[in-house]
Amino acid sequence: MENRDRIQAVQRMQDCIDRHLMEPISLLMLARAAGYSPFHSARLFKEITGKTPFDYIRALRLSEAAIRLGQGSVRVTDVAFDFIFESHEGFTRAFSKQFGINPRLYGQKKPPLKLFMPEPASDYYLNKQKGETDMSNKTDTKTVFVQVVDRPERKLILKRGKKATHYFDYCEEVGCDVWEELTKIKDALYEPIGMWLSKNMILPGTSAYAQGVEVSKEYKGKVPQGFEIVSLPACKMMVFQGQPYDDAKFEEAIGDLWEVMKVYDPKIYGFEWADDDGPRFQLEPMGYRGYIEARPVRQLNARQ
């Protein structure tokens, strides 16, 4: 079989999975899409994607379920049945094994997860021409996962710099122990963030880049010495998450994501950039989950 024919067969199976992800999917269904026997289709799929068809389907369903859980108050049971799990318990076990956190707790806390973001098989052919022959072992993919999340009205505990526009300048100005101080704030809503403040948040003689942590709007706890607390309105954030990477290559991972964000059009999702609604922020670079950054957006039809 010609290489291109093999790639197209796997692409047809991926397309079939995408169309029927929330329906039962059989190997015979995938084989019909591929145009080959079930055995040969399964072998081709594993060869090109690095996963068996059903490992691929399960990982994709769990990642889509995580997205659903992170978008609002939905019942875990409903999500489990929507994504073709036979029981709440079976879904919880699979979700916990995949992400290291049970779905109910994830829905409450919404920590960043290492989501499964498969590449189209059609990209494999192009990568093969460049000498890359195994999609499952690729570490330099530019695939980026994008989602929009709601941030509630809240407060921000932050420490400003003087002229810093990025992390390294900031560390030179205020030191590198700010992050450790932020992690000690027990009532934080989310993990600490590095951020580029909106113009309306920058005080005279202070930096555009700062570090902080978000807490509830009712927060009455301690504010560390040298820090301040400000109020943030409710807003929507468009979150960009790159593929996992080698920790030693974190600067490259950040640069790759910035290249995507630079040309990304939020109108694809029905949004526009809204930089005055809050700070653009980055999470601590951790290779296992991919680099994550978020920028404020507003729905285009919200003004109508």
C-alpha atoms as a PDB file:
ATOM      1  CA  MET A   1       0.000   0.000   0.000  1.00  0.00           C
ATOM      2  CA  GLU A   2       1.333   3.429  -0.915  1.00  0.00           C
ATOM      3  CA  ASN A   3       2.272   5.637   2.033  1.00  0.00           C
ATOM      4  CA  ARG A   4      -0.253   8.316   1.063  1.00  0.00           C
ATOM      5  CA  ASP A   5      -3.047   5.704   0.925  1.00  0.00           C
ATOM      6  CA  ARG A   6      -2.191   4.543   4.435  1.00  0.00           C
ATOM      7  CA  ILE A   7      -2.232   8.108   5.780  1.00  0.00           C
ATOM      8  CA  GLN A   8      -5.558   8.868   4.127  1.00  0.00           C
ATOM      9  CA  ALA A   9      -7.071   5.699   5.571  1.00  0.00           C
ATOM     10  CA  VAL A  10      -6.074   6.715   9.095  1.00  0.00           C
ATOM     11  CA  GLN A  11      -7.297  10.274   8.472  1.00  0.00           C
ATOM     12  CA  ARG A  12     -10.694   8.883   7.480  1.00  0.00           C
ATOM     13  CA  MET A  13     -10.793   6.917  10.736  1.00  0.00           C
ATOM     14  CA  GLN A  14      -9.902  10.032  12.733  1.00  0.00           C
ATOM     15  CA  ASP A  15     -12.641  11.972  10.943  1.00  0.00           C
ATOM     16  CA  CYS A  16     -15.109   9.188  11.704  1.00  0.00           C
ATOM     17  CA  ILE A  17     -14.137   9.322  15.396  1.00  0.00           C
ATOM     18  CA  ASP A  18     -14.588  13.107  15.477  1.00  0.00           C
ATOM     19  CA  ARG A  19     -18.065  12.842  13.937  1.00  0.00           C
ATOM     20  CA  HIS A  20     -19.237  10.092  16.260  1.00  0.00           C
ATOM     21  CA  LEU A  21     -17.293  10.806  19.450  1.00  0.00           C
ATOM     22  CA  MET A  22     -20.488  10.993  21.524  1.00  0.00           C
ATOM     23  CA  GLU A  23     -21.896   7.803  19.991  1.00  0.00           C
ATOM     24  CA  PRO A  24     -20.815   4.144  20.236  1.00  0.00           C
ATOM     25  CA  ILE A  25     -17.908   3.489  17.847  1.00  0.00           C
ATOM     26  CA  SER A  26     -16.962  -0.007  16.700  1.00  0.00           C
ATOM     27  CA  LEU A  27     -13.840  -1.241  14.951  1.00  0.00           C
ATOM     28  CA  LEU A  28     -16.059  -2.336  12.058  1.00  0.00           C
ATOM     29  CA  MET A  29     -17.290   1.262  11.703  1.00  0.00           C
ATOM     30  CA  LEU A  30     -13.698   2.507  11.559  1.00  0.00           C
ATOM     31  CA  ALA A  31     -12.718  -0.238   9.121  1.00  0.00           C
ATOM     32  CA  ARG A  32     -15.522   0.802   6.776  1.00  0.00           C
ATOM     33  CA  ALA A  33     -14.287   4.398   6.935  1.00  0.00           C
ATOM     34  CA  ALA A  34     -10.713   3.267   6.239  1.00  0.00           C
ATOM     35  CA  GLY A  35     -11.697   0.899   3.440  1.00  0.00           C
ATOM     36  CA  TYR A  36      -9.706  -2.049   4.804  1.00  0.00           C
ATOM     37  CA  SER A  37     -10.255  -5.035   7.073  1.00  0.00           C
ATOM     38  CA  PRO A  38     -10.728  -4.399  10.827  1.00  0.00           C
ATOM     39  CA  PHE A  39      -7.377  -6.035  11.628  1.00  0.00           C
ATOM     40  CA  HIS A  40      -5.464  -4.072   8.993  1.00  0.00           C
ATOM     41  CA  SER A  41      -7.229  -0.816   9.886  1.00  0.00           C
ATOM     42  CA  ALA A  42      -6.359  -1.201  13.590  1.00  0.00           C
ATOM     43  CA  ARG A  43      -2.735  -1.962  12.740  1.00  0.00           C
ATOM     44  CA  LEU A  44      -2.462   1.094  10.480  1.00  0.00           C
ATOM     45  CA  PHE A  45      -4.060   3.335  13.104  1.00  0.00           C
ATOM     46  CA  LYS A  46      -1.595   2.241  15.808  1.00  0.00           C
ATOM     47  CA  GLU A  47       1.346   2.581  13.434  1.00  0.00           C
ATOM     48  CA  ILE A  48       0.515   6.169  12.494  1.00  0.00           C
ATOM     49  CA  THR A  49      -0.948   7.625  15.711  1.00  0.00           C
ATOM     50  CA  GLY A  50       0.946   5.583  18.314  1.00  0.00           C
ATOM     51  CA  LYS A  51      -2.333   4.471  19.949  1.00  0.00           C
ATOM     52  CA  THR A  52      -4.822   1.717  19.321  1.00  0.00           C
ATOM     53  CA  PRO A  53      -8.161   3.027  18.044  1.00  0.00           C
ATOM     54  CA  PHE A  54      -9.876   2.487  21.380  1.00  0.00           C
ATOM     55  CA  ASP A  55      -7.050   3.969  23.470  1.00  0.00           C
ATOM     56  CA  TYR A  56      -7.244   6.983  21.162  1.00  0.00           C
ATOM     57  CA  ILE A  57     -11.041   7.244  21.472  1.00  0.00           C
ATOM     58  CA  ARG A  58     -10.953   6.954  25.255  1.00  0.00           C
ATOM     59  CA  ALA A  59      -8.203   9.566  25.656  1.00  0.00           C
ATOM     60  CA  LEU A  60     -10.048  11.952  23.330  1.00  0.00           C
ATOM     61  CA  ARG A  61     -13.396  11.431  25.077  1.00  0.00           C
ATOM     62  CA  LEU A  62     -11.850  12.038  28.492  1.00  0.00           C
ATOM     63  CA  SER A  63     -10.188  15.242  27.284  1.00  0.00           C
ATOM     64  CA  GLU A  64     -13.439  16.492  25.750  1.00  0.00           C
ATOM     65  CA  ALA A  65     -15.223  15.565  28.992  1.00  0.00           C
ATOM     66  CA  ALA A  66     -12.657  17.590  30.944  1.00  0.00           C
ATOM     67  CA  ILE A  67     -13.359  20.586  28.714  1.00  0.00           C
ATOM     68  CA  ARG A  68     -17.086  20.206  29.366  1.00  0.00           C
ATOM     69  CA  LEU A  69     -16.553  19.975  33.124  1.00  0.00           C
ATOM     70  CA  GLY A  70     -14.383  23.087  33.037  1.00  0.00           C
ATOM     71  CA  GLN A  71     -16.934  25.208  31.194  1.00  0.00           C
ATOM     72  CA  GLY A  72     -19.644  25.402  33.823  1.00  0.00           C
ATOM     73  CA  SER A  73     -21.735  23.646  36.401  1.00  0.00           C
ATOM     74  CA  VAL A  74     -22.615  20.292  34.870  1.00  0.00           C
ATOM     75  CA  ARG A  75     -23.230  16.990  36.578  1.00  0.00           C
ATOM     76  CA  VAL A  76     -20.461  14.415  36.371  1.00  0.00           C
ATOM     77  CA  THR A  77     -23.058  11.720  35.679  1.00  0.00           C
ATOM     78  CA  ASP A  78     -24.414  13.611  32.664  1.00  0.00           C
ATOM     79  CA  VAL A  79     -20.927  14.101  31.235  1.00  0.00           C
ATOM     80  CA  ALA A  80     -20.121  10.428  31.788  1.00  0.00           C
ATOM     81  CA  PHE A  81     -23.159   9.253  29.826  1.00  0.00           C
ATOM     82  CA  ASP A  82     -22.726  11.892  27.116  1.00  0.00           C
ATOM     83  CA  PHE A  83     -19.263  10.498  26.399  1.00  0.00           C
ATOM     84  CA  ILE A  84     -20.426   6.878  26.320  1.00  0.00           C
ATOM     85  CA  PHE A  85     -19.235   5.638  29.723  1.00  0.00           C
ATOM     86  CA  GLU A  86     -21.485   2.965  31.163  1.00  0.00           C
ATOM     87  CA  SER A  87     -21.467   4.297  34.711  1.00  0.00           C
ATOM     88  CA  HIS A  88     -20.477   7.243  36.874  1.00  0.00           C
ATOM     89  CA  GLU A  89     -17.992   4.979  38.661  1.00  0.00           C
ATOM     90  CA  GLY A  90     -16.344   3.783  35.455  1.00  0.00           C
ATOM     91  CA  PHE A  91     -15.987   7.344  34.202  1.00  0.00           C
ATOM     92  CA  THR A  92     -14.535   8.501  37.521  1.00  0.00           C
ATOM     93  CA  ARG A  93     -11.944   5.702  37.502  1.00  0.00           C
ATOM     94  CA  ALA A  94     -10.931   6.415  33.904  1.00  0.00           C
ATOM     95  CA  PHE A  95     -10.798  10.182  34.443  1.00  0.00           C
ATOM     96  CA  SER A  96      -8.749   9.837  37.630  1.00  0.00           C
ATOM     97  CA  LYS A  97      -6.312   7.457  35.937  1.00  0.00           C
ATOM     98  CA  GLN A  98      -5.909   9.764  32.930  1.00  0.00           C
ATOM     99  CA  PHE A  99      -5.522  13.061  34.811  1.00  0.00           C
ATOM    100  CA  GLY A 100      -4.623  12.229  38.420  1.00  0.00           C
ATOM    101  CA  ILE A 101      -7.710  13.999  39.807  1.00  0.00           C
ATOM    102  CA  ASN A 102     -11.326  12.857  40.106  1.00  0.00           C
ATOM    103  CA  PRO A 103     -13.840  14.632  37.843  1.00  0.00           C
ATOM    104  CA  ARG A 104     -15.903  16.140  40.641  1.00  0.00           C
ATOM    105  CA  LEU A 105     -12.860  17.814  42.216  1.00  0.00           C
ATOM    106  CA  TYR A 106     -11.654  18.920  38.793  1.00  0.00           C
ATOM    107  CA  GLY A 107     -15.010  20.563  38.107  1.00  0.00           C
ATOM    108  CA  GLN A 108     -14.661  22.528  41.348  1.00  0.00           C
ATOM    109  CA  LYS A 109     -10.977  23.529  41.148  1.00  0.00           C
ATOM    110  CA  LYS A 110     -10.325  23.449  37.371  1.00  0.00           C
ATOM    111  CA  PRO A 111      -6.539  22.965  37.558  1.00  0.00           C
ATOM    112  CA  PRO A 112      -4.686  22.775  34.203  1.00  0.00           C
ATOM    113  CA  LEU A 113      -4.628  19.247  32.791  1.00  0.00           C
ATOM    114  CA  LYS A 114      -2.479  17.487  30.246  1.00  0.00           C
ATOM    115  CA  LEU A 115      -5.162  17.051  27.607  1.00  0.00           C
ATOM    116  CA  PHE A 116      -4.935  14.655  24.673  1.00  0.00           C
ATOM    117  CA  MET A 117      -4.629  16.784  21.527  1.00  0.00           C
ATOM    118  CA  PRO A 118      -4.102  14.457  18.554  1.00  0.00           C
ATOM    119  CA  GLU A 119      -2.672  15.673  15.281  1.00  0.00           C
ATOM    120  CA  PRO A 120      -4.446  14.874  12.020  1.00  0.00           C
ATOM    121  CA  ALA A 121      -2.900  11.871  10.300  1.00  0.00           C
ATOM    122  CA  SER A 122      -2.556  14.007   7.194  1.00  0.00           C
ATOM    123  CA  ASP A 123       0.200  15.903   9.028  1.00  0.00           C
ATOM    124  CA  TYR A 124       2.107  12.641   9.326  1.00  0.00           C
ATOM    125  CA  TYR A 125       2.818  12.584   5.619  1.00  0.00           C
ATOM    126  CA  LEU A 126       4.351  16.060   5.759  1.00  0.00           C
ATOM    127  CA  ASN A 127       6.360  15.189   8.865  1.00  0.00           C
ATOM    128  CA  LYS A 128       7.644  12.031   7.198  1.00  0.00           C
ATOM    129  CA  GLN A 129       9.045  14.113   4.374  1.00  0.00           C
ATOM    130  CA  LYS A 130      11.012  16.000   7.050  1.00  0.00           C
ATOM    131  CA  GLY A 131      12.384  12.765   8.500  1.00  0.00           C
ATOM    132  CA  GLU A 132       9.872  12.379  11.339  1.00  0.00           C
ATOM    133  CA  THR A 133       8.221   8.977  11.184  1.00  0.00           C
ATOM    134  CA  ASP A 134       6.383   8.512  14.486  1.00  0.00           C
ATOM    135  CA  MET A 135       3.699  10.935  15.597  1.00  0.00           C
ATOM    136  CA  SER A 136       3.556   9.340  19.041  1.00  0.00           C
ATOM    137  CA  ASN A 137       7.142  10.399  19.825  1.00  0.00           C
ATOM    138  CA  LYS A 138       7.032  13.931  18.411  1.00  0.00           C
ATOM    139  CA  THR A 139       8.081  16.656  20.863  1.00  0.00           C
ATOM    140  CA  ASP A 140       8.148  19.702  18.594  1.00  0.00           C
ATOM    141  CA  THR A 141       4.527  19.745  17.416  1.00  0.00           C
ATOM    142  CA  LYS A 142       2.882  23.155  17.189  1.00  0.00           C
ATOM    143  CA  THR A 143      -0.591  21.816  18.032  1.00  0.00           C
ATOM    144  CA  VAL A 144      -2.298  24.166  20.488  1.00  0.00           C
ATOM    145  CA  PHE A 145      -5.491  23.561  22.467  1.00  0.00           C
ATOM    146  CA  VAL A 146      -7.776  26.598  22.884  1.00  0.00           C
ATOM    147  CA  GLN A 147     -10.745  27.059  25.190  1.00  0.00           C
ATOM    148  CA  VAL A 148     -12.682  29.944  26.752  1.00  0.00           C
ATOM    149  CA  VAL A 149     -13.287  29.932  30.513  1.00  0.00           C
ATOM    150  CA  ASP A 150     -15.185  32.248  32.834  1.00  0.00           C
ATOM    151  CA  ARG A 151     -13.288  34.078  35.559  1.00  0.00           C
ATOM    152  CA  PRO A 152     -15.579  35.341  38.371  1.00  0.00           C
ATOM    153  CA  GLU A 153     -15.432  38.722  40.051  1.00  0.00           C
ATOM    154  CA  ARG A 154     -12.423  38.371  42.314  1.00  0.00           C
ATOM    155  CA  LYS A 155      -9.420  40.059  43.919  1.00  0.00           C
ATOM    156  CA  LEU A 156      -5.780  39.881  42.924  1.00  0.00           C
ATOM    157  CA  ILE A 157      -2.873  39.880  45.353  1.00  0.00           C
ATOM    158  CA  LEU A 158       0.169  41.052  43.409  1.00  0.00           C
ATOM    159  CA  LYS A 159       3.648  42.450  43.669  1.00  0.00           C
ATOM    160  CA  ARG A 160       4.649  45.036  41.096  1.00  0.00           C
ATOM    161  CA  GLY A 161       8.060  45.652  39.589  1.00  0.00           C
ATOM    162  CA  LYS A 162       9.497  48.913  38.287  1.00  0.00           C
ATOM    163  CA  LYS A 163      10.030  48.578  34.526  1.00  0.00           C
ATOM    164  CA  ALA A 164       9.839  44.820  33.907  1.00  0.00           C
ATOM    165  CA  THR A 165       8.121  43.619  30.743  1.00  0.00           C
ATOM    166  CA  HIS A 166       8.805  39.901  31.229  1.00  0.00           C
ATOM    167  CA  TYR A 167       9.755  37.293  33.835  1.00  0.00           C
ATOM    168  CA  PHE A 168      13.546  37.661  33.792  1.00  0.00           C
ATOM    169  CA  ASP A 169      13.447  41.446  34.111  1.00  0.00           C
ATOM    170  CA  TYR A 170      10.951  41.052  36.924  1.00  0.00           C
ATOM    171  CA  CYS A 171      13.188  38.653  38.860  1.00  0.00           C
ATOM    172  CA  GLU A 172      16.096  41.070  38.562  1.00  0.00           C
ATOM    173  CA  GLU A 173      13.965  43.878  39.984  1.00  0.00           C
ATOM    174  CA  VAL A 174      12.112  42.147  42.830  1.00  0.00           C
ATOM    175  CA  GLY A 175      13.874  38.809  43.296  1.00  0.00           C
ATOM    176  CA  CYS A 176      12.792  35.263  42.560  1.00  0.00           C
ATOM    177  CA  ASP A 177      11.089  34.475  45.879  1.00  0.00           C
ATOM    178  CA  VAL A 178       7.745  36.108  45.023  1.00  0.00           C
ATOM    179  CA  TRP A 179       6.332  32.858  43.651  1.00  0.00           C
ATOM    180  CA  GLU A 180       7.094  30.979  46.851  1.00  0.00           C
ATOM    181  CA  GLU A 181       5.294  33.668  48.857  1.00  0.00           C
ATOM    182  CA  LEU A 182       2.252  33.438  46.596  1.00  0.00           C
ATOM    183  CA  THR A 183       1.990  29.659  46.975  1.00  0.00           C
ATOM    184  CA  LYS A 184       1.581  30.141  50.737  1.00  0.00           C
ATOM    185  CA  ILE A 185      -1.761  31.927  50.288  1.00  0.00           C
ATOM    186  CA  LYS A 186      -4.090  29.060  51.166  1.00  0.00           C
ATOM    187  CA  ASP A 187      -7.369  30.658  50.041  1.00  0.00           C
ATOM    188  CA  ALA A 188      -6.217  31.215  46.453  1.00  0.00           C
ATOM    189  CA  LEU A 189      -8.776  30.415  43.771  1.00  0.00           C
ATOM    190  CA  TYR A 190      -6.129  29.196  41.333  1.00  0.00           C
ATOM    191  CA  GLU A 191      -2.379  28.699  41.122  1.00  0.00           C
ATOM    192  CA  PRO A 192      -0.066  31.769  41.028  1.00  0.00           C
ATOM    193  CA  ILE A 193       0.344  33.597  37.734  1.00  0.00           C
ATOM    194  CA  GLY A 194       2.873  35.761  35.953  1.00  0.00           C
ATOM    195  CA  MET A 195       0.970  38.504  34.130  1.00  0.00           C
ATOM    196  CA  TRP A 196       1.046  41.432  31.795  1.00  0.00           C
ATOM    197  CA  LEU A 197      -1.183  44.042  33.391  1.00  0.00           C
ATOM    198  CA  SER A 198      -3.756  45.906  31.323  1.00  0.00           C
ATOM    199  CA  LYS A 199      -3.003  49.594  30.791  1.00  0.00           C
ATOM    200  CA  ASN A 200      -5.683  50.609  33.279  1.00  0.00           C
ATOM    201  CA  MET A 201      -3.969  48.516  35.981  1.00  0.00           C
ATOM    202  CA  ILE A 202      -0.443  49.924  35.622  1.00  0.00           C
ATOM    203  CA  LEU A 203       0.415  52.589  38.185  1.00  0.00           C
ATOM    204  CA  PRO A 204       2.881  55.392  37.396  1.00  0.00           C
ATOM    205  CA  GLY A 205       6.455  54.212  37.867  1.00  0.00           C
ATOM    206  CA  THR A 206       5.522  50.517  37.981  1.00  0.00           C
ATOM    207  CA  SER A 207       6.013  47.591  35.596  1.00  0.00           C
ATOM    208  CA  ALA A 208       3.728  46.075  33.000  1.00  0.00           C
ATOM    209  CA  TYR A 209       4.755  42.581  34.169  1.00  0.00           C
ATOM    210  CA  ALA A 210       3.965  41.366  37.695  1.00  0.00           C
ATOM    211  CA  GLN A 211       3.232  38.200  39.635  1.00  0.00           C
ATOM    212  CA  GLY A 212       0.209  37.455  41.758  1.00  0.00           C
ATOM    213  CA  VAL A 213      -2.563  35.114  42.781  1.00  0.00           C
ATOM    214  CA  GLU A 214      -6.338  35.453  42.567  1.00  0.00           C
ATOM    215  CA  VAL A 215      -8.584  35.134  45.627  1.00  0.00           C
ATOM    216  CA  SER A 216     -12.328  35.486  46.137  1.00  0.00           C
ATOM    217  CA  LYS A 217     -13.936  38.929  46.140  1.00  0.00           C
ATOM    218  CA  GLU A 218     -14.748  38.385  49.848  1.00  0.00           C
ATOM    219  CA  TYR A 219     -11.126  37.680  50.780  1.00  0.00           C
ATOM    220  CA  LYS A 220     -10.235  39.156  54.182  1.00  0.00           C
ATOM    221  CA  GLY A 221      -6.976  37.284  54.750  1.00  0.00           C
ATOM    222  CA  LYS A 222      -3.426  38.465  55.067  1.00  0.00           C
ATOM    223  CA  VAL A 223      -1.672  40.342  52.270  1.00  0.00           C
ATOM    224  CA  PRO A 224       2.108  39.722  52.435  1.00  0.00           C
ATOM    225  CA  GLN A 225       4.349  42.696  53.096  1.00  0.00           C
ATOM    226  CA  GLY A 226       5.301  44.498  49.884  1.00  0.00           C
ATOM    227  CA  PHE A 227       2.231  43.153  48.060  1.00  0.00           C
ATOM    228  CA  GLU A 228      -1.087  44.844  47.366  1.00  0.00           C
ATOM    229  CA  ILE A 229      -4.622  43.676  46.634  1.00  0.00           C
ATOM    230  CA  VAL A 230      -6.877  44.965  43.843  1.00  0.00           C
ATOM    231  CA  SER A 231     -10.328  44.025  42.560  1.00  0.00           C
ATOM    232  CA  LEU A 232     -10.885  42.361  39.196  1.00  0.00           C
ATOM    233  CA  PRO A 233     -14.250  42.228  37.387  1.00  0.00           C
ATOM    234  CA  ALA A 234     -15.731  39.020  36.048  1.00  0.00           C
ATOM    235  CA  CYS A 235     -14.399  38.257  32.586  1.00  0.00           C
ATOM    236  CA  LYS A 236     -13.816  35.555  30.031  1.00  0.00           C
ATOM    237  CA  MET A 237     -10.325  34.265  29.297  1.00  0.00           C
ATOM    238  CA  MET A 238      -9.189  32.504  26.150  1.00  0.00           C
ATOM    239  CA  VAL A 239      -6.726  29.867  27.336  1.00  0.00           C
ATOM    240  CA  PHE A 240      -3.995  28.535  25.043  1.00  0.00           C
ATOM    241  CA  GLN A 241      -2.236  25.278  25.961  1.00  0.00           C
ATOM    242  CA  GLY A 242       0.676  23.887  23.973  1.00  0.00           C
ATOM    243  CA  GLN A 243       1.766  20.286  23.762  1.00  0.00           C
ATOM    244  CA  PRO A 244       3.927  18.713  26.499  1.00  0.00           C
ATOM    245  CA  TYR A 245       7.642  19.454  26.099  1.00  0.00           C
ATOM    246  CA  ASP A 246      11.056  18.724  27.581  1.00  0.00           C
ATOM    247  CA  ASP A 247      11.440  20.997  30.632  1.00  0.00           C
ATOM    248  CA  ALA A 248      14.855  22.103  29.385  1.00  0.00           C
ATOM    249  CA  LYS A 249      13.169  23.539  26.276  1.00  0.00           C
ATOM    250  CA  PHE A 250      10.683  25.769  28.097  1.00  0.00           C
ATOM    251  CA  GLU A 251      11.776  28.940  26.280  1.00  0.00           C
ATOM    252  CA  GLU A 252      11.198  27.254  22.932  1.00  0.00           C
ATOM    253  CA  ALA A 253       7.755  26.062  24.100  1.00  0.00           C
ATOM    254  CA  ILE A 254       6.821  29.603  25.159  1.00  0.00           C
ATOM    255  CA  GLY A 255       8.045  31.026  21.860  1.00  0.00           C
ATOM    256  CA  ASP A 256       6.049  28.458  19.885  1.00  0.00           C
ATOM    257  CA  LEU A 257       2.836  29.348  21.716  1.00  0.00           C
ATOM    258  CA  TRP A 258       3.463  33.073  21.282  1.00  0.00           C
ATOM    259  CA  GLU A 259       3.775  32.561  17.541  1.00  0.00           C
ATOM    260  CA  VAL A 260       0.319  30.952  17.521  1.00  0.00           C
ATOM    261  CA  MET A 261      -1.237  33.634  19.743  1.00  0.00           C
ATOM    262  CA  LYS A 262       0.253  36.411  17.632  1.00  0.00           C
ATOM    263  CA  VAL A 263      -1.812  35.450  14.582  1.00  0.00           C
ATOM    264  CA  TYR A 264      -4.784  33.790  16.283  1.00  0.00           C
ATOM    265  CA  ASP A 265      -8.183  35.257  15.398  1.00  0.00           C
ATOM    266  CA  PRO A 266     -10.611  34.921  18.364  1.00  0.00           C
ATOM    267  CA  LYS A 267     -13.535  35.522  16.002  1.00  0.00           C
ATOM    268  CA  ILE A 268     -13.230  31.793  15.185  1.00  0.00           C
ATOM    269  CA  TYR A 269     -14.888  31.253  18.568  1.00  0.00           C
ATOM    270  CA  GLY A 270     -17.170  34.311  18.328  1.00  0.00           C
ATOM    271  CA  PHE A 271     -14.998  36.522  20.562  1.00  0.00           C
ATOM    272  CA  GLU A 272     -12.764  39.575  20.377  1.00  0.00           C
ATOM    273  CA  TRP A 273      -9.741  40.517  22.473  1.00  0.00           C
ATOM    274  CA  ALA A 274     -10.659  42.528  25.594  1.00  0.00           C
ATOM    275  CA  ASP A 275      -7.315  43.462  27.137  1.00  0.00           C
ATOM    276  CA  ASP A 276      -8.849  46.070  29.460  1.00  0.00           C
ATOM    277  CA  ASP A 277     -10.937  43.400  31.205  1.00  0.00           C
ATOM    278  CA  GLY A 278      -8.002  41.931  33.109  1.00  0.00           C
ATOM    279  CA  PRO A 279      -4.374  40.870  32.891  1.00  0.00           C
ATOM    280  CA  ARG A 280      -3.054  38.499  30.269  1.00  0.00           C
ATOM    281  CA  PHE A 281      -1.352  35.772  32.275  1.00  0.00           C
ATOM    282  CA  GLN A 282       0.945  32.781  32.078  1.00  0.00           C
ATOM    283  CA  LEU A 283       1.061  29.746  34.337  1.00  0.00           C
ATOM    284  CA  GLU A 284       4.309  28.310  35.616  1.00  0.00           C
ATOM    285  CA  PRO A 285       5.950  26.446  32.699  1.00  0.00           C
ATOM    286  CA  MET A 286       5.712  22.705  33.374  1.00  0.00           C
ATOM    287  CA  GLY A 287       6.704  20.395  30.557  1.00  0.00           C
ATOM    288  CA  TYR A 288       4.294  17.582  31.409  1.00  0.00           C
ATOM    289  CA  ARG A 289       1.208  19.742  30.766  1.00  0.00           C
ATOM    290  CA  GLY A 290       2.457  22.077  28.034  1.00  0.00           C
ATOM    291  CA  TYR A 291       2.937  25.813  28.318  1.00  0.00           C
ATOM    292  CA  ILE A 292      -0.292  27.681  29.208  1.00  0.00           C
ATOM    293  CA  GLU A 293      -1.176  31.319  28.681  1.00  0.00           C
ATOM    294  CA  ALA A 294      -4.513  33.193  28.715  1.00  0.00           C
ATOM    295  CA  ARG A 295      -5.816  36.497  27.339  1.00  0.00           C
ATOM    296  CA  PRO A 296      -9.128  38.271  28.108  1.00  0.00           C
ATOM    297  CA  VAL A 297     -11.918  38.144  25.519  1.00  0.00           C
ATOM    298  CA  ARG A 298     -15.524  39.287  25.114  1.00  0.00           C
ATOM    299  CA  GLN A 299     -18.317  37.644  23.152  1.00  0.00           C
ATOM    300  CA  LEU A 300     -19.028  39.520  19.962  1.00  0.00           C
ATOM    301  CA  ASN A 301     -22.806  39.225  20.341  1.00  0.00           C
ATOM    302  CA  ALA A 302     -22.705  40.365  23.983  1.00  0.00           C
ATOM    303  CA  ARG A 303     -22.985  43.988  22.866  1.00  0.00           C
ATOM    304  CA  GLN A 304     -26.031  43.412  20.673  1.00  0.00           C
END
